[in-house]
């Protein structure tokens, strides 16, 4: 079997980083993540106001039952021009946009919900089905545990990747190569996936919570 040819550009870089877990160094983009949450929050505020205005307009249409019923009925709210002669695209499109943005916004906070999952009742959670909530919470818990295992790269790992990219000027663009620059050191993480370690963090965290509850219950007795 002939030896595998090295890739070009990012293909070559990826093949080198794949050789050792310690070389899998990437930007975390902490500030951009926070900024994205703020944008989603701002968009939801505008959409909330728009829906309130559409509700008020619909409520004023007392002579048109189908429009008056929009804030009161899914059946009428979901009627668009493509599905009914008296349909209204603006109302339902706004509802769908809120649904899409709200789900992405809520995902940022599911890990916080997961932290209190054992004390939060289902009726206090977002209005998904119980099965869907369980799946999302499970994913949030696993993501949270995995994120806790991410570490700042060692000086040796960072310098190895940085020097390799610097020595190969035609590997990737100069702008792209800056991700390993000194100015980004505080934002770099080492993407080392160790399933046993991740599950260990998860189990340790929730076993501690379990035993704290047992101790508290015993002291009350």
Protein backbone atom coordinates (compact mmCIF):
# COMPACT_ATOMS: atom_id res chain seq x y z
CA UNK A 1 0.00 0.00 0.00
CA UNK A 2 1.56 3.33 -1.07
CA UNK A 3 2.21 5.87 1.68
CA UNK A 4 -0.55 8.39 2.18
CA UNK A 5 0.18 11.72 0.56
CA UNK A 6 0.28 14.74 2.87
CA UNK A 7 -2.56 17.18 2.44
CA UNK A 8 -2.29 20.73 1.20
CA UNK A 9 -2.78 23.80 3.37
CA UNK A 10 -5.23 23.08 6.18
CA UNK A 11 -5.18 19.40 5.16
CA UNK A 12 -1.44 19.27 5.94
CA UNK A 13 -1.88 21.16 9.22
CA UNK A 14 -4.73 18.88 10.30
CA UNK A 15 -2.65 15.76 9.60
CA UNK A 16 0.14 17.09 11.85
CA UNK A 17 -2.18 18.11 14.68
CA UNK A 18 -3.85 14.68 14.54
CA UNK A 19 -0.55 12.98 15.37
CA UNK A 20 -0.70 13.93 19.06
CA UNK A 21 -3.53 14.99 21.38
CA UNK A 22 -1.28 17.64 22.93
CA UNK A 23 -1.04 19.45 19.58
CA UNK A 24 -4.82 19.95 19.23
CA UNK A 25 -4.79 23.59 20.24
CA UNK A 26 -7.58 25.97 19.26
CA UNK A 27 -9.07 29.34 20.09
CA UNK A 28 -11.89 29.28 22.62
CA UNK A 29 -13.32 32.65 21.48
CA UNK A 30 -14.60 33.47 24.97
CA UNK A 31 -15.40 37.12 24.17
CA UNK A 32 -17.17 36.21 20.91
CA UNK A 33 -19.28 33.64 22.74
CA UNK A 34 -20.39 36.29 25.24
CA UNK A 35 -20.98 38.78 22.42
CA UNK A 36 -23.11 36.23 20.57
CA UNK A 37 -25.29 35.74 23.67
CA UNK A 38 -25.74 39.51 23.89
CA UNK A 39 -26.77 39.69 20.21
CA UNK A 40 -29.26 36.87 20.68
CA UNK A 41 -30.64 38.63 23.75
CA UNK A 42 -31.00 41.91 21.84
CA UNK A 43 -32.69 40.16 18.91
CA UNK A 44 -35.15 38.46 21.25
CA UNK A 45 -36.01 41.80 22.86
CA UNK A 46 -36.84 43.27 19.44
CA UNK A 47 -38.85 40.22 18.44
CA UNK A 48 -40.72 40.33 21.76
CA UNK A 49 -41.69 43.94 21.12
CA UNK A 50 -42.70 43.16 17.53
CA UNK A 51 -44.94 40.29 18.65
CA UNK A 52 -46.57 42.52 21.27
CA UNK A 53 -47.29 45.11 18.55
CA UNK A 54 -48.73 42.46 16.24
CA UNK A 55 -50.90 41.21 19.13
CA UNK A 56 -52.22 44.73 19.69
CA UNK A 57 -52.97 45.17 15.97
CA UNK A 58 -54.78 41.84 15.83
CA UNK A 59 -56.76 42.65 18.95
CA UNK A 60 -58.04 45.81 17.28
CA UNK A 61 -59.51 43.85 14.35
CA UNK A 62 -62.81 43.10 16.09
CA UNK A 63 -64.63 42.95 12.75
CA UNK A 64 -62.28 40.26 11.39
CA UNK A 65 -62.52 37.17 13.63
CA UNK A 66 -59.59 35.38 11.98
CA UNK A 67 -57.20 38.28 12.68
CA UNK A 68 -58.63 39.02 16.14
CA UNK A 69 -58.06 35.36 17.06
CA UNK A 70 -54.33 35.27 16.22
CA UNK A 71 -53.07 36.06 19.75
CA UNK A 72 -55.63 33.60 21.11
CA UNK A 73 -55.38 30.60 18.78
CA UNK A 74 -52.56 28.56 17.27
CA UNK A 75 -54.90 27.66 14.40
CA UNK A 76 -55.30 31.30 13.35
CA UNK A 77 -51.80 32.41 14.33
CA UNK A 78 -50.25 29.82 12.00
CA UNK A 79 -52.40 30.74 8.99
CA UNK A 80 -50.15 32.29 6.31
CA UNK A 81 -50.91 33.61 2.83
CA UNK A 82 -49.76 30.29 1.47
CA UNK A 83 -52.28 28.31 3.54
CA UNK A 84 -55.32 30.61 3.73
CA UNK A 85 -56.83 33.59 1.92
CA UNK A 86 -56.95 35.52 5.19
CA UNK A 87 -53.45 34.38 6.20
CA UNK A 88 -50.79 36.75 7.56
CA UNK A 89 -47.10 35.97 6.97
CA UNK A 90 -45.79 38.66 9.34
CA UNK A 91 -47.41 37.21 12.46
CA UNK A 92 -46.42 33.57 11.99
CA UNK A 93 -42.95 34.39 10.65
CA UNK A 94 -42.30 36.40 13.82
CA UNK A 95 -43.42 33.47 15.99
CA UNK A 96 -41.15 31.08 14.08
CA UNK A 97 -38.20 33.46 14.31
CA UNK A 98 -38.68 33.78 18.08
CA UNK A 99 -38.80 29.99 18.35
CA UNK A 100 -35.52 29.62 16.45
CA UNK A 101 -33.59 32.36 18.28
CA UNK A 102 -35.00 31.41 21.69
CA UNK A 103 -33.87 27.80 21.34
CA UNK A 104 -30.30 28.88 20.48
CA UNK A 105 -30.32 31.41 23.33
CA UNK A 106 -31.67 28.87 25.82
CA UNK A 107 -28.96 26.35 24.98
CA UNK A 108 -26.42 28.67 26.61
CA UNK A 109 -28.25 28.30 29.90
CA UNK A 110 -29.07 24.60 29.84
CA UNK A 111 -25.84 23.81 31.65
CA UNK A 112 -27.02 26.13 34.45
CA UNK A 113 -30.33 24.28 34.52
CA UNK A 114 -28.40 21.03 34.57
CA UNK A 115 -26.52 22.15 37.68
CA UNK A 116 -29.82 22.34 39.51
CA UNK A 117 -31.55 19.55 37.60
CA UNK A 118 -32.13 17.48 40.70
CA UNK A 119 -34.00 20.32 42.43
CA UNK A 120 -35.86 21.88 39.49
CA UNK A 121 -39.32 20.62 38.65
CA UNK A 122 -40.33 20.05 35.04
CA UNK A 123 -42.99 22.76 35.11
CA UNK A 124 -40.25 25.34 35.76
CA UNK A 125 -38.27 24.28 32.69
CA UNK A 126 -38.70 25.57 29.11
CA UNK A 127 -41.79 24.22 27.37
CA UNK A 128 -40.30 21.25 25.57
CA UNK A 129 -41.62 17.74 25.96
CA UNK A 130 -40.27 15.86 28.97
CA UNK A 131 -38.34 13.45 26.75
CA UNK A 132 -36.79 16.37 24.85
CA UNK A 133 -35.85 18.09 28.12
CA UNK A 134 -34.18 14.92 29.37
CA UNK A 135 -32.13 14.62 26.17
CA UNK A 136 -31.10 18.27 26.23
CA UNK A 137 -30.15 18.15 29.91
CA UNK A 138 -28.11 15.01 29.34
CA UNK A 139 -26.25 16.71 26.48
CA UNK A 140 -25.75 19.85 28.57
CA UNK A 141 -24.31 17.79 31.43
CA UNK A 142 -21.91 15.98 29.11
CA UNK A 143 -20.88 19.22 27.39
CA UNK A 144 -20.33 20.87 30.74
CA UNK A 145 -18.18 17.96 31.97
CA UNK A 146 -16.19 17.95 28.72
CA UNK A 147 -15.62 21.71 28.89
CA UNK A 148 -14.29 21.30 32.42
CA UNK A 149 -11.61 18.95 31.08
CA UNK A 150 -10.30 21.50 28.57
CA UNK A 151 -6.95 22.81 29.66
CA UNK A 152 -4.64 25.63 28.72
CA UNK A 153 -1.98 24.15 26.44
CA UNK A 154 1.47 23.58 27.89
CA UNK A 155 4.28 25.84 26.74
CA UNK A 156 5.88 22.94 24.86
CA UNK A 157 2.64 22.05 23.03
CA UNK A 158 1.95 25.65 22.12
CA UNK A 159 5.49 26.37 20.91
CA UNK A 160 5.50 23.17 18.81
CA UNK A 161 2.36 24.18 16.94
CA UNK A 162 3.31 27.85 16.76
CA UNK A 163 6.79 27.15 15.41
CA UNK A 164 5.52 24.60 12.89
CA UNK A 165 3.02 27.10 11.47
CA UNK A 166 5.59 29.92 11.52
CA UNK A 167 8.15 27.77 9.69
CA UNK A 168 5.67 26.85 6.95
CA UNK A 169 4.62 30.23 5.58
CA UNK A 170 2.58 28.76 2.70
CA UNK A 171 0.66 26.35 4.94
CA UNK A 172 -2.22 28.70 5.77
CA UNK A 173 -2.77 32.43 5.31
CA UNK A 174 -0.90 34.89 7.51
CA UNK A 175 -4.16 36.09 9.05
CA UNK A 176 -5.30 32.53 9.87
CA UNK A 177 -1.89 31.66 11.33
CA UNK A 178 -2.31 34.34 14.00
CA UNK A 179 -4.51 32.04 16.08
CA UNK A 180 -1.37 30.75 17.83
CA UNK A 181 0.10 34.24 18.34
CA UNK A 182 1.19 35.42 21.80
CA UNK A 183 -1.80 37.77 22.04
CA UNK A 184 -4.20 34.80 21.91
CA UNK A 185 -2.50 32.66 24.56
CA UNK A 186 -5.19 33.36 27.18
CA UNK A 187 -7.88 32.24 24.72
CA UNK A 188 -6.27 28.94 23.67
CA UNK A 189 -7.49 25.54 24.84
CA UNK A 190 -6.13 22.08 24.32
CA UNK A 191 -8.78 19.86 22.81
CA UNK A 192 -7.88 16.56 24.45
CA UNK A 193 -10.78 14.12 24.38
CA UNK A 194 -10.62 11.45 27.05
CA UNK A 195 -13.99 9.79 27.53
CA UNK A 196 -13.06 8.19 30.87
CA UNK A 197 -11.84 11.51 32.22
CA UNK A 198 -14.98 13.30 31.06
CA UNK A 199 -17.29 10.72 32.62
CA UNK A 200 -15.15 10.81 35.76
CA UNK A 201 -15.67 14.57 36.11
CA UNK A 202 -19.39 14.13 35.56
CA UNK A 203 -19.73 11.31 38.08
CA UNK A 204 -17.57 13.02 40.70
CA UNK A 205 -19.59 16.21 40.47
CA UNK A 206 -22.98 14.55 40.86
CA UNK A 207 -21.89 11.94 43.39
CA UNK A 208 -20.66 14.79 45.61
CA UNK A 209 -24.06 16.43 45.30
CA UNK A 210 -25.75 13.12 46.14
CA UNK A 211 -23.66 12.57 49.27
CA UNK A 212 -24.19 16.16 50.41
CA UNK A 213 -27.93 15.52 50.23
CA UNK A 214 -27.55 12.30 52.22
CA UNK A 215 -25.53 14.08 54.91
CA UNK A 216 -28.06 16.90 55.07
CA UNK A 217 -30.95 14.44 55.35
CA UNK A 218 -29.18 12.50 58.13
CA UNK A 219 -28.47 15.64 60.12
CA UNK A 220 -32.14 16.63 59.90
CA UNK A 221 -33.13 13.23 61.28
